[in-house]
Structures are given as C-alpha cells and as structure tokens.
Amino acid sequence: MTVLERRMGLGELADIIGPDRVVGVPVGEVTHLAYDSRQAREGTLFFAIPGVHVDGHDFAAQAVEAGALAVVGEREIPDLDVPQLIVERTRTALADAADAWYERPSTKLHVIGITGTDGKTTTAFLANEVLRAAGRRPGLIGTVAVQVGDEMRPNPNRNTTPEALELQALLAQMVAAGNDGVVMEATSHGLAQARVRNARFAVGVLTNLTSEHLEFHGSLDNYRAAKAMLFAEAPVSVLNADDPSFAYFRDRARDRVVTYAAEADADLRASALDARADGTMFQLAAPGWSGEVRVPIPGSFNVHNALATLALAHVEGVDLALAAEAIGRSPGVPGRMETVDEGQPFGVVVDYAHTADSLGKVLRVLRPLATARLIAVFGSAGERDPTKRAPMGSAAAELADVVVVTDEDPRLEDPRVINEAIADGARAAGARDGEDLYVIDDRRAAIAHAVGLAREGDVILLAGKGHEQTIIYGTVGRPWDEKEVAREALHAAGYGAGTGG
C-alpha cells in the first residue's frame, strides 16, 4: 500500500524546519523529499546529509540538476541557483519535514520502541504476536521484517531503524492500512541520528546492553546515552533489572518504570528455569498473575526476551495468561537459532549472534546438544566496532571445540585484517592454527570446510549473518543466504537432495 504524494509550499516547510539562515527566497511548491541525489526530481526539497563515506553536500548540485527546487544543508554550498536552508543538523530537519509531510502519522499510532544490544528482534516478534492475540493490530518495523496492515514482508535494508523519511512513510502506510500501533526496534544509530525523531514513543523496552557499535558512538558511555534517549522520551519504561546498566536507565526514565528479571527483584520475575533443546520453561510471578511460561525458542537467554514481552503486555493491560499462551505458540524468528537439516548426522544451526556476549550465549546453549564437537563459524563486520573482534575469538575458543573465522561484511576494510584480529583473540585463549583454528576469508569456503570437518554428533554454528540476504564487500551487497549456502555445502558433501541420503 502506498501513501499518496503530498504537496507543500517551500515557505511552509521552511517554517517547520526553522533554519538558522536562508540563502535566497524560499518560494515554490515542493512535491518530493529526498536525501539521495539519485532520487531527486522536479519539485524536490533535497537534504544534504553528511555520511560516513560520502557527504550529501557534495551531491547537491546533481540534485539541483535533476530538478530540486531547494537544498537543506549544514553549510552554504557555492554556485547553487536555488534557495538554501542552512540548519545546525540536516538529519533533524529531515525528520521534522518528513513528519509534517506525512501528516504526523505517529500521533495516530501507539508506538512501542524496543532497544538493546541483543534480543530486540525476538522481543519485537513476540510483542507483535502477543498484542495481536489480544485483539490489537500493530505494525512492525525491525531487522528481519516489516509488517504493514496484516502483511509481513522481509526488511530489504540493512538499517534496522529506517532513515526518518522512510520511517515516517512506513508509519503513514500503517495508519492507512488500519494499524492501531507499531512495535519498532529502536537502534542506537536510529536514536542518535534522529531517525526516530517524531516517532512519539509511548513505551520504551530495554533488552540488555553490552559493548557494541563503538566505531560509531566512540565509547560505551555514548552508546548507553544513545539508548537512554528512548526512556527519556517514553512515559513508560520497561527495564531489565538483571542488566548491569539497569540503574543508569532507571535514573534516566521519564516517568513510570516496570521491571523484569530472572535474578534481581523485579515487578515480573522468572524462576525455576528449565532449559531444553526445544526451548525453556519457567515460572512467572507478576502483578495479578503467576503461572508457567514456555518459550519455544532454544536458548535460556530468550527467557529475558519473553519477560520483556510479558512486562510490556502488563503495561498494555493484556491478560498475562493470554500473553503467555501466545508466546508458547511463537514460531520463532528467521535467522535466530534456525536449524538446517539435510539428513546429515550432525547439527547445523544458523544464528545472528555477532557480539562476544551473544556468541557466547548461543555456544552455551548448543554445547549440551553436541554429543561430540561444537564447531563455530563466524566473523565480524568491517567498519564496525573493532574492539569486539578479539573478544569474539576468545569466547569462541573457550566455548567451542573448533573455530573457523571467516568474512562477515568486510565493507571497505581488508577482510584478512579483521579475521586475524578475531583469530588473535582465539589464539590468546589457546586455539592452535590448523588444529582447532582455521582462518578462511571466503565464507562459502569456510562453511564447506566446517561441513567437511563435521562428524556424527557434532554441531556446527553459523553465526553472524542470520536472516541477512547480502554480504557486503566494499560498498556492494552481494546476494547471500546462509541457510541455502549451508544446504549447498551439505549436498556437495553427499547429504540431502539428489544424493540418495
């Protein structure tokens, strides 16, 4: 479903943006907003955004040549024959313009934001299912999928939280499709870069916080502060009392705080955890209800994701017995602890784990399922936090029997440099090259190598890519499907389709 294009006067949009300075006379009718010069056309208001690799100011002339009638930027651009609105921060201006352009859609929706290092996607999926079981009709915006109306579709973008222009368009589509709210993954980038400005969060949910994205934020303090923006805005905060940063977020919450935990005292508390290969059972003690909850997703760490969902259900006034039942029926999340079975006598599991903490959690879950060896295949993304690389290698060497280090979106970095940094962490933890440590840059070859090593009773973990459909080299995303590549490797090794196995 598309939203009809609108028209607004440039002067009206200028009043909304509130530029510090105007070059030229802001007159004319705006028929399109864009921050990518390739999307500019006649009647466009172009937003020049400074980026990591390119600066939108350098492409403003191209946008004008394509028909842009004005430019919003953080500095005056010489030799442009169109009005320029000079602002302190273009991203903020874009968020305000997009909000007005799509008629402030978040004012017509109950917006729930979920943030944290790990668990956002699983919690968002569970929350969506619980709310729908209660008769609500939320939309969904997240890493894996987007739901508008009742249609769930894969998220084609790498940004979990869309840019402000796309976000407001999605919210407007949800309003038009009859959604009454939205469950949204709110990343630290999305919060810090004003992508979610004007989302008007009603509830903020925290999963956990570990070291991540320091290449962008610069420090753990800055990363945590970006996350805290959600709770400073939302009138209701759902917080993980087991998380080491709990007190930090509680102190920054705007108003009401509801807590959940498995260890600490909390409003909703899990006890008697019983972790099994197909999920975890626990007892919930909560205001007004206590009972058994089954999380049908492997990994005891998913108990916290379920608790976050149940705490959200509590603040939303959803019957907790109904919420627990909905969680028990959950089919899981694509790319999260998914198995690949082609009749081989060993396990193959695909997961999105891409930090030392999440990798360690998944390996601990898989350890009792491996009657023989646990083989970990993973990498670390280029142009992302380099401080997590050695710890990932160390965690894998300590918790797995065989470590295969490989590419995971090197981007413009040298893949071998990234992979050797991971391998150094594994070596420091005792891994030995050619014995229980292999560095194979090509991910397809690395997966094939792991399959070749595997014997009956082993479990192979393919971590880091999960649901993603591309692997990025340079600035180009090459098609990639982790589960399909695993199947191909298994077939080549004599298992599954066409092998008689």
Protein backbone atom coordinates (compact mmCIF):
# COMPACT_ATOMS: atom_id res chain seq x y z
CA MET A 1 0.00 0.00 0.00
CA THR A 2 1.42 3.39 -0.93
CA VAL A 3 0.75 6.79 0.52
CA LEU A 4 -0.39 9.45 -1.92
CA GLU A 5 2.22 12.08 -2.59
CA ARG A 6 1.62 15.43 -1.00
CA ARG A 7 2.42 18.98 -1.92
CA MET A 8 3.59 21.68 0.42
CA GLY A 9 4.87 25.19 -0.05
CA LEU A 10 8.60 25.63 0.43
CA GLY A 11 7.89 28.53 2.77
CA GLU A 12 5.64 26.31 4.93
CA LEU A 13 8.32 23.61 5.14
CA ALA A 14 10.94 26.26 5.94
CA ASP A 15 8.79 27.40 8.89
CA ILE A 16 8.63 23.79 10.15
CA ILE A 17 12.37 23.21 9.73
CA GLY A 18 13.31 26.56 11.28
CA PRO A 19 16.66 27.18 9.51
CA ASP A 20 19.34 29.28 11.16
CA ARG A 21 19.84 31.13 7.89
CA VAL A 22 18.22 31.23 4.46
CA VAL A 23 20.10 31.85 1.22
CA GLY A 24 17.74 33.10 -1.47
CA VAL A 25 13.95 33.34 -1.30
CA PRO A 26 12.16 30.12 -0.21
CA VAL A 27 9.26 30.10 -2.63
CA GLY A 28 7.80 27.34 -4.79
CA GLU A 29 5.84 24.13 -4.37
CA VAL A 30 7.59 21.04 -3.01
CA THR A 31 6.34 17.76 -4.46
CA HIS A 32 9.04 15.39 -3.22
CA LEU A 33 11.56 14.99 -0.38
CA ALA A 34 14.92 13.26 -0.86
CA TYR A 35 18.34 12.90 0.79
CA ASP A 36 19.83 10.84 -2.08
CA SER A 37 20.60 12.93 -5.17
CA ARG A 38 19.70 9.95 -7.36
CA GLN A 39 16.14 10.20 -6.07
CA ALA A 40 15.82 13.91 -6.83
CA ARG A 41 13.38 15.10 -9.46
CA GLU A 42 11.36 18.18 -10.37
CA GLY A 43 9.99 19.82 -7.24
CA THR A 44 12.33 18.06 -4.77
CA LEU A 45 13.47 19.52 -1.47
CA PHE A 46 16.92 17.97 -1.14
CA PHE A 47 18.50 17.29 2.25
CA ALA A 48 22.32 17.23 2.23
CA ILE A 49 23.34 14.79 4.96
CA PRO A 50 26.99 14.25 5.93
CA GLY A 51 27.69 10.49 5.92
CA VAL A 52 30.48 8.09 6.83
CA HIS A 53 31.85 7.71 3.30
CA VAL A 54 30.09 10.44 1.33
CA ASP A 55 28.75 13.89 2.13
CA GLY A 56 25.38 14.86 0.70
CA HIS A 57 26.60 18.42 0.29
CA ASP A 58 28.89 17.17 -2.48
CA PHE A 59 25.87 15.90 -4.41
CA ALA A 60 23.60 18.90 -4.00
CA ALA A 61 24.47 20.23 -7.47
CA GLN A 62 23.40 16.90 -9.00
CA ALA A 63 20.11 17.11 -7.13
CA VAL A 64 19.55 20.63 -8.46
CA GLU A 65 20.35 19.49 -12.00
CA ALA A 66 17.70 16.77 -11.55
CA GLY A 67 15.10 19.39 -10.62
CA ALA A 68 15.47 20.08 -6.89
CA LEU A 69 13.99 23.48 -6.13
CA ALA A 70 15.83 23.98 -2.83
CA VAL A 71 18.52 22.43 -0.63
CA VAL A 72 18.67 21.95 3.13
CA GLY A 73 22.24 21.72 4.43
CA GLU A 74 24.60 22.40 7.29
CA ARG A 75 26.71 24.84 5.32
CA GLU A 76 26.17 27.09 2.32
CA ILE A 77 27.05 25.42 -0.97
CA PRO A 78 28.51 27.81 -3.55
CA ASP A 79 27.14 28.22 -7.09
CA LEU A 80 23.69 26.75 -6.46
CA ASP A 81 20.95 28.66 -8.23
CA VAL A 82 18.24 27.59 -5.75
CA PRO A 83 17.32 28.65 -2.21
CA GLN A 84 19.32 27.05 0.61
CA LEU A 85 18.06 26.46 4.14
CA ILE A 86 21.10 26.35 6.46
CA VAL A 87 20.47 24.31 9.62
CA GLU A 88 22.54 23.04 12.52
CA ARG A 89 21.76 19.40 11.72
CA THR A 90 20.26 18.19 8.45
CA ARG A 91 19.01 14.92 9.93
CA THR A 92 16.87 16.81 12.43
CA ALA A 93 15.47 18.97 9.65
CA LEU A 94 14.69 15.88 7.58
CA ALA A 95 12.89 14.23 10.50
CA ASP A 96 10.76 17.33 11.11
CA ALA A 97 9.95 17.80 7.42
CA ALA A 98 9.09 14.11 6.94
CA ASP A 99 6.83 14.16 9.98
CA ALA A 100 4.88 17.12 8.58
CA TRP A 101 4.93 15.74 5.03
CA TYR A 102 3.18 12.54 6.12
CA GLU A 103 0.78 14.40 8.42
CA ARG A 104 2.34 13.33 11.73
CA PRO A 105 1.39 9.66 11.50
CA SER A 106 2.78 8.69 14.91
CA THR A 107 0.08 10.80 16.57
CA LYS A 108 -2.41 8.24 15.24
CA LEU A 109 -0.46 5.19 16.44
CA HIS A 110 0.55 3.68 19.80
CA VAL A 111 4.32 3.49 19.33
CA ILE A 112 6.40 0.94 21.24
CA GLY A 113 10.18 1.14 20.94
CA ILE A 114 12.48 -1.78 21.77
CA THR A 115 16.19 -1.16 22.22
CA GLY A 116 19.19 -3.09 23.49
CA THR A 117 22.31 -4.80 22.16
CA ASP A 118 20.79 -8.26 21.74
CA GLY A 119 17.26 -9.61 21.68
CA LYS A 120 15.50 -6.68 20.02
CA THR A 121 14.21 -8.69 17.07
CA THR A 122 12.99 -11.68 19.08
CA THR A 123 11.30 -9.40 21.61
CA ALA A 124 9.67 -7.37 18.83
CA PHE A 125 8.32 -10.53 17.16
CA LEU A 126 6.99 -11.85 20.47
CA ALA A 127 5.44 -8.49 21.35
CA ASN A 128 3.74 -8.28 17.97
CA GLU A 129 2.24 -11.75 18.42
CA VAL A 130 1.07 -11.06 21.98
CA LEU A 131 -0.59 -7.78 21.05
CA ARG A 132 -2.32 -9.38 18.08
CA ALA A 133 -3.52 -12.24 20.27
CA ALA A 134 -5.09 -9.57 22.49
CA GLY A 135 -7.02 -8.11 19.57
CA ARG A 136 -4.67 -5.26 18.75
CA ARG A 137 -3.42 -4.63 15.23
CA PRO A 138 0.13 -3.29 15.46
CA GLY A 139 2.56 -2.82 12.64
CA LEU A 140 6.16 -3.99 12.96
CA ILE A 141 9.48 -2.39 12.00
CA GLY A 142 12.61 -4.40 12.62
CA THR A 143 15.81 -6.02 11.47
CA VAL A 144 14.18 -9.04 9.87
CA ALA A 145 10.76 -7.88 8.75
CA VAL A 146 8.28 -5.05 8.34
CA GLN A 147 4.55 -5.51 8.81
CA VAL A 148 2.07 -3.02 7.37
CA GLY A 149 -1.57 -3.87 7.94
CA ASP A 150 -1.53 -7.65 8.15
CA GLU A 151 1.17 -8.14 5.51
CA MET A 152 4.56 -9.25 6.81
CA ARG A 153 7.44 -8.72 4.40
CA PRO A 154 11.22 -9.07 4.72
CA ASN A 155 13.14 -5.93 5.56
CA PRO A 156 15.20 -5.29 2.40
CA ASN A 157 17.52 -2.82 4.12
CA ARG A 158 20.49 -3.27 6.43
CA ASN A 159 19.28 -0.44 8.65
CA THR A 160 17.11 -1.92 11.39
CA THR A 161 15.71 1.54 12.02
CA PRO A 162 14.95 3.27 8.69
CA GLU A 163 16.01 6.81 7.89
CA ALA A 164 13.46 9.37 9.07
CA LEU A 165 11.92 9.85 5.63
CA GLU A 166 11.29 6.11 5.13
CA LEU A 167 10.20 5.69 8.74
CA GLN A 168 7.52 8.37 8.52
CA ALA A 169 6.35 6.94 5.18
CA LEU A 170 6.02 3.50 6.81
CA LEU A 171 4.09 4.92 9.73
CA ALA A 172 1.75 6.69 7.31
CA GLN A 173 1.23 3.43 5.43
CA MET A 174 0.34 1.73 8.71
CA VAL A 175 -2.23 4.40 9.51
CA ALA A 176 -3.76 3.98 6.04
CA ALA A 177 -3.76 0.17 6.44
CA GLY A 178 -5.62 0.29 9.75
CA ASN A 179 -2.82 -0.48 12.19
CA ASP A 180 -3.51 0.92 15.66
CA GLY A 181 0.11 0.91 16.80
CA VAL A 182 3.61 -0.19 15.90
CA VAL A 183 6.33 -2.28 17.56
CA MET A 184 9.63 -0.80 16.44
CA GLU A 185 13.23 -1.79 17.01
CA ALA A 186 14.94 1.44 18.02
CA THR A 187 18.68 1.12 17.45
CA SER A 188 21.35 3.31 18.99
CA HIS A 189 22.11 4.65 15.50
CA GLY A 190 18.44 5.42 14.92
CA LEU A 191 18.20 7.28 18.22
CA ALA A 192 21.49 9.17 17.90
CA GLN A 193 20.91 10.13 14.27
CA ALA A 194 17.37 11.45 14.82
CA ARG A 195 15.87 8.78 12.56
CA VAL A 196 13.19 8.17 15.19
CA ARG A 197 12.65 11.85 15.98
CA ASN A 198 8.88 12.44 15.98
CA ALA A 199 8.12 8.74 16.46
CA ARG A 200 6.46 9.84 19.72
CA PHE A 201 7.18 6.70 21.71
CA ALA A 202 4.55 5.70 24.26
CA VAL A 203 6.57 2.80 25.71
CA GLY A 204 10.29 2.02 25.68
CA VAL A 205 11.62 -1.50 26.29
CA LEU A 206 15.23 -2.42 27.15
CA THR A 207 16.54 -5.92 26.43
CA ASN A 208 20.17 -5.61 27.59
CA LEU A 209 23.35 -3.65 26.99
CA THR A 210 26.82 -4.91 26.13
CA SER A 211 29.69 -3.37 24.16
CA GLU A 212 28.70 -2.76 20.52
CA HIS A 213 28.87 -0.06 17.82
CA LEU A 214 31.76 1.77 19.47
CA GLU A 215 33.09 2.59 15.99
CA PHE A 216 30.10 4.94 15.71
CA HIS A 217 29.50 6.10 19.29
CA GLY A 218 33.15 6.33 20.33
CA SER A 219 32.64 4.97 23.83
CA LEU A 220 30.36 2.72 25.85
CA ASP A 221 29.11 5.80 27.70
CA ASN A 222 27.99 7.40 24.44
CA TYR A 223 26.39 4.14 23.28
CA ARG A 224 24.46 3.84 26.54
CA ALA A 225 23.44 7.50 26.38
CA ALA A 226 22.01 7.00 22.88
CA LYS A 227 19.91 4.09 24.14
CA ALA A 228 18.74 6.18 27.11
CA MET A 229 17.16 8.73 24.76
CA LEU A 230 14.27 6.28 24.29
CA PHE A 231 13.49 6.15 28.00
CA ALA A 232 13.86 9.88 28.47
CA GLU A 233 11.09 10.30 25.86
CA ALA A 234 8.65 7.45 26.53
CA PRO A 235 6.32 7.96 29.51
CA VAL A 236 6.56 4.23 30.31
CA SER A 237 9.87 2.32 30.51
CA VAL A 238 10.17 -1.48 30.66
CA LEU A 239 13.63 -2.28 32.02
CA ASN A 240 15.75 -5.39 32.59
CA ALA A 241 16.66 -5.35 36.29
CA ASP A 242 19.29 -8.07 35.68
CA ASP A 243 21.26 -5.86 33.30
CA PRO A 244 24.37 -4.16 34.73
CA SER A 245 23.18 -0.83 33.28
CA PHE A 246 19.72 -1.07 34.88
CA ALA A 247 20.29 1.74 37.40
CA TYR A 248 21.60 4.03 34.65
CA PHE A 249 18.43 3.62 32.59
CA ARG A 250 16.11 3.74 35.59
CA ASP A 251 17.61 7.10 36.60
CA ARG A 252 17.02 8.47 33.10
CA ALA A 253 13.48 7.16 32.63
CA ARG A 254 10.94 9.91 32.10
CA ASP A 255 8.19 8.57 34.35
CA ARG A 256 6.79 5.09 35.05
CA VAL A 257 9.23 2.16 35.25
CA VAL A 258 8.21 -1.51 35.12
CA THR A 259 10.94 -4.09 35.72
CA TYR A 260 11.56 -7.71 34.82
CA ALA A 261 14.31 -10.14 35.85
CA ALA A 262 15.33 -13.72 36.48
CA GLU A 263 17.84 -12.93 39.23
CA ALA A 264 17.12 -9.49 40.70
CA ASP A 265 13.96 -8.32 42.45
CA ALA A 266 11.52 -7.08 39.82
CA ASP A 267 7.85 -6.48 39.08
CA LEU A 268 7.84 -9.55 36.83
CA ARG A 269 10.21 -12.32 37.86
CA ALA A 270 11.11 -15.67 36.34
CA SER A 271 12.14 -18.66 38.44
CA ALA A 272 12.58 -22.42 38.09
CA LEU A 273 14.09 -22.17 34.61
CA ASP A 274 14.14 -25.48 32.75
CA ALA A 275 16.21 -25.15 29.56
CA ARG A 276 15.68 -27.82 26.92
CA ALA A 277 16.72 -28.35 23.32
CA ASP A 278 13.37 -27.03 22.06
CA GLY A 279 13.01 -24.10 24.43
CA THR A 280 12.77 -23.11 28.06
CA MET A 281 10.05 -23.38 30.71
CA PHE A 282 9.88 -21.04 33.68
CA GLN A 283 7.55 -19.89 36.42
CA LEU A 284 6.41 -16.27 36.25
CA ALA A 285 5.44 -14.21 39.26
CA ALA A 286 3.80 -10.98 38.17
CA PRO A 287 1.24 -8.46 39.43
CA GLY A 288 -2.15 -10.17 39.23
CA TRP A 289 -0.93 -13.45 37.73
CA SER A 290 1.51 -16.27 38.25
CA GLY A 291 1.97 -19.38 36.19
CA GLU A 292 4.11 -21.40 33.83
CA VAL A 293 5.50 -19.91 30.62
CA ARG A 294 7.03 -21.85 27.76
CA VAL A 295 9.41 -20.12 25.37
CA PRO A 296 9.56 -22.37 22.27
CA ILE A 297 12.85 -20.86 21.07
CA PRO A 298 16.12 -22.56 22.09
CA GLY A 299 18.36 -20.65 24.45
CA SER A 300 17.71 -19.74 28.05
CA PHE A 301 18.67 -16.14 27.14
CA ASN A 302 15.30 -15.98 25.38
CA VAL A 303 13.69 -16.07 28.82
CA HIS A 304 14.64 -12.39 29.17
CA ASN A 305 13.12 -11.65 25.77
CA ALA A 306 9.91 -13.37 26.88
CA LEU A 307 9.99 -11.50 30.20
CA ALA A 308 10.37 -8.17 28.38
CA THR A 309 7.34 -9.09 26.27
CA LEU A 310 5.30 -10.10 29.30
CA ALA A 311 6.23 -6.87 31.09
CA LEU A 312 5.11 -4.96 28.01
CA ALA A 313 1.85 -6.96 27.99
CA HIS A 314 1.38 -5.97 31.64
CA VAL A 315 1.73 -2.24 30.96
CA GLU A 316 -0.51 -2.58 27.91
CA GLY A 317 -3.26 -4.17 30.00
CA VAL A 318 -3.07 -7.52 28.21
CA ASP A 319 -4.08 -10.57 30.25
CA LEU A 320 -0.83 -12.31 31.17
CA ALA A 321 -2.29 -15.80 30.82
CA LEU A 322 -3.23 -14.92 27.25
CA ALA A 323 0.22 -13.38 26.67
CA ALA A 324 1.97 -16.50 27.98
CA GLU A 325 -0.15 -18.67 25.71
CA ALA A 326 0.73 -16.50 22.68
CA ILE A 327 4.46 -16.75 23.49
CA GLY A 328 4.13 -20.53 23.75
CA ARG A 329 2.80 -20.64 20.18
CA SER A 330 5.53 -18.46 18.70
CA PRO A 331 7.16 -19.92 15.58
CA GLY A 332 10.42 -18.11 16.31
CA VAL A 333 12.33 -15.58 14.24
CA PRO A 334 14.04 -16.11 10.85
CA GLY A 335 17.79 -16.42 11.25
CA ARG A 336 17.65 -16.94 15.00
CA MET A 337 18.67 -20.44 16.12
CA GLU A 338 17.37 -21.95 12.87
CA THR A 339 18.40 -25.49 12.00
CA VAL A 340 19.41 -26.78 8.56
CA ASP A 341 18.63 -30.46 8.15
CA GLU A 342 19.57 -32.35 5.01
CA GLY A 343 19.78 -35.74 6.70
CA GLN A 344 23.37 -35.25 7.93
CA PRO A 345 24.39 -36.95 11.18
CA PHE A 346 25.42 -33.66 12.77
CA GLY A 347 23.63 -30.43 13.55
CA VAL A 348 23.81 -27.17 11.61
CA VAL A 349 22.40 -24.05 13.29
CA VAL A 350 22.16 -20.55 11.78
CA ASP A 351 22.05 -17.59 14.15
CA TYR A 352 22.54 -13.82 14.03
CA ALA A 353 24.89 -13.65 17.05
CA HIS A 354 27.52 -11.01 16.24
CA THR A 355 28.95 -9.86 19.57
CA ALA A 356 31.13 -11.73 22.05
CA ASP A 357 28.26 -11.78 24.52
CA SER A 358 25.63 -13.11 22.11
CA LEU A 359 28.07 -15.58 20.54
CA GLY A 360 28.91 -16.91 23.99
CA LYS A 361 25.25 -17.29 24.89
CA VAL A 362 24.47 -19.26 21.75
CA LEU A 363 27.52 -21.52 22.15
CA ARG A 364 26.50 -22.29 25.73
CA VAL A 365 23.03 -23.26 24.52
CA LEU A 366 24.44 -25.55 21.83
CA ARG A 367 27.12 -27.17 23.99
CA PRO A 368 24.83 -29.75 25.64
CA LEU A 369 23.25 -30.52 22.26
CA ALA A 370 26.60 -31.57 20.80
CA THR A 371 27.42 -35.15 21.80
CA ALA A 372 30.77 -34.69 20.08
CA ARG A 373 32.37 -31.40 18.99
CA LEU A 374 30.98 -27.88 18.74
CA ILE A 375 32.24 -26.05 15.62
CA ALA A 376 31.83 -22.27 15.39
CA VAL A 377 31.94 -20.44 12.04
CA PHE A 378 31.76 -16.65 12.32
CA GLY A 379 33.39 -13.31 11.58
CA SER A 380 32.97 -9.66 12.48
CA ALA A 381 31.71 -6.84 10.30
CA GLY A 382 34.06 -4.29 8.79
CA GLU A 383 33.69 -0.62 9.74
CA ARG A 384 32.01 -1.67 12.95
CA ASP A 385 33.34 -1.81 16.49
CA PRO A 386 36.87 -3.29 16.19
CA THR A 387 37.18 -3.78 19.96
CA LYS A 388 34.77 -6.72 19.87
CA ARG A 389 36.84 -8.81 17.42
CA ALA A 390 39.42 -10.34 19.77
CA PRO A 391 36.81 -10.98 22.49
CA MET A 392 34.67 -12.84 19.94
CA GLY A 393 37.64 -15.04 19.04
CA SER A 394 38.39 -15.63 22.69
CA ALA A 395 34.78 -16.54 23.51
CA ALA A 396 34.63 -18.99 20.61
CA ALA A 397 37.93 -20.64 21.51
CA GLU A 398 36.81 -21.07 25.11
CA LEU A 399 33.34 -22.42 24.35
CA ALA A 400 33.72 -24.30 21.03
CA ASP A 401 36.00 -27.16 20.06
CA VAL A 402 36.79 -25.86 16.58
CA VAL A 403 36.84 -22.22 15.46
CA VAL A 404 36.53 -21.22 11.80
CA VAL A 405 36.99 -17.47 11.31
CA THR A 406 35.61 -16.01 8.11
CA ASP A 407 34.17 -12.93 6.41
CA GLU A 408 31.10 -11.11 7.65
CA ASP A 409 30.51 -7.92 5.66
CA PRO A 410 34.11 -6.64 5.43
CA ARG A 411 32.90 -3.49 3.68
CA LEU A 412 35.92 -1.31 2.85
CA GLU A 413 38.24 -2.98 5.36
CA ASP A 414 40.73 -5.70 4.48
CA PRO A 415 38.98 -8.99 5.36
CA ARG A 416 42.22 -10.65 6.41
CA VAL A 417 42.99 -7.87 8.91
CA ILE A 418 39.56 -8.29 10.51
CA ASN A 419 39.80 -12.07 10.59
CA GLU A 420 43.32 -12.10 12.02
CA ALA A 421 42.19 -9.78 14.82
CA ILE A 422 39.49 -12.33 15.70
CA ALA A 423 41.95 -15.20 15.36
CA ASP A 424 44.43 -13.45 17.66
CA GLY A 425 41.76 -13.48 20.35
CA ALA A 426 41.23 -17.20 19.77
CA ARG A 427 44.99 -17.87 19.85
CA ALA A 428 45.31 -15.98 23.13
CA ALA A 429 42.68 -18.34 24.54
CA GLY A 430 44.66 -21.39 23.44
CA ALA A 431 43.43 -22.13 19.91
CA ARG A 432 46.02 -23.58 17.52
CA ASP A 433 46.16 -22.88 13.80
CA GLY A 434 45.45 -25.94 11.68
CA GLU A 435 44.30 -27.97 14.68
CA ASP A 436 41.27 -26.25 16.17
CA LEU A 437 41.55 -22.83 14.49
CA TYR A 438 41.12 -22.06 10.80
CA VAL A 439 41.07 -18.64 9.13
CA ILE A 440 39.27 -18.89 5.78
CA ASP A 441 38.29 -15.49 4.40
CA ASP A 442 35.76 -16.76 1.85
CA ARG A 443 32.59 -17.51 3.83
CA ARG A 444 31.27 -20.12 1.39
CA ALA A 445 34.59 -21.99 1.57
CA ALA A 446 34.62 -21.66 5.37
CA ILE A 447 31.17 -23.23 5.66
CA ALA A 448 32.19 -26.03 3.29
CA HIS A 449 35.32 -26.59 5.40
CA ALA A 450 33.26 -26.87 8.59
CA VAL A 451 30.90 -29.35 6.92
CA GLY A 452 33.92 -31.34 5.78
CA LEU A 453 35.26 -31.46 9.33
CA ALA A 454 31.95 -32.43 10.93
CA ARG A 455 31.31 -35.96 12.13
CA GLU A 456 28.38 -37.69 13.79
CA GLY A 457 27.29 -35.91 16.96
CA ASP A 458 28.96 -32.59 16.11
CA VAL A 459 27.05 -29.30 15.97
CA ILE A 460 28.08 -26.50 13.57
CA LEU A 461 27.08 -22.96 14.48
CA LEU A 462 27.00 -20.49 11.58
CA ALA A 463 26.88 -17.15 13.37
CA GLY A 464 26.60 -13.52 12.34
CA LYS A 465 24.58 -13.48 9.14
CA GLY A 466 21.29 -14.97 10.28
CA HIS A 467 18.44 -13.70 8.11
CA GLU A 468 20.52 -11.28 6.02
CA GLN A 469 20.30 -11.61 2.28
CA THR A 470 23.58 -9.92 1.32
CA ILE A 471 27.24 -9.97 2.30
CA ILE A 472 28.95 -6.60 1.80
CA TYR A 473 32.34 -6.25 0.14
CA GLY A 474 33.39 -2.66 -0.46
CA THR A 475 30.10 -0.82 -0.84
CA VAL A 476 28.31 -3.61 -2.74
CA GLY A 477 25.99 -6.13 -1.16
CA ARG A 478 26.42 -9.49 -2.86
CA PRO A 479 23.46 -11.92 -2.69
CA TRP A 480 23.75 -14.27 0.28
CA ASP A 481 21.52 -16.79 2.01
CA GLU A 482 23.27 -18.52 4.92
CA LYS A 483 20.81 -21.41 5.10
CA GLU A 484 20.98 -22.01 1.35
CA VAL A 485 24.79 -21.91 1.34
CA ALA A 486 24.77 -24.44 4.19
CA ARG A 487 22.42 -26.68 2.22
CA GLU A 488 24.67 -26.45 -0.83
CA ALA A 489 27.68 -27.42 1.28
CA LEU A 490 25.79 -30.36 2.74
CA HIS A 491 24.66 -31.50 -0.72
CA ALA A 492 28.23 -31.24 -2.02
CA ALA A 493 29.34 -33.39 0.91
CA GLY A 494 26.86 -36.09 -0.06
CA TYR A 495 23.89 -35.31 2.14
CA GLY A 496 20.32 -34.38 1.23
CA ALA A 497 18.74 -33.64 -2.16
CA GLY A 498 19.98 -35.59 -5.11
CA THR A 499 22.38 -37.69 -3.06
CA GLY A 500 20.13 -40.54 -2.11
CA GLY A 501 20.87 -39.69 1.52
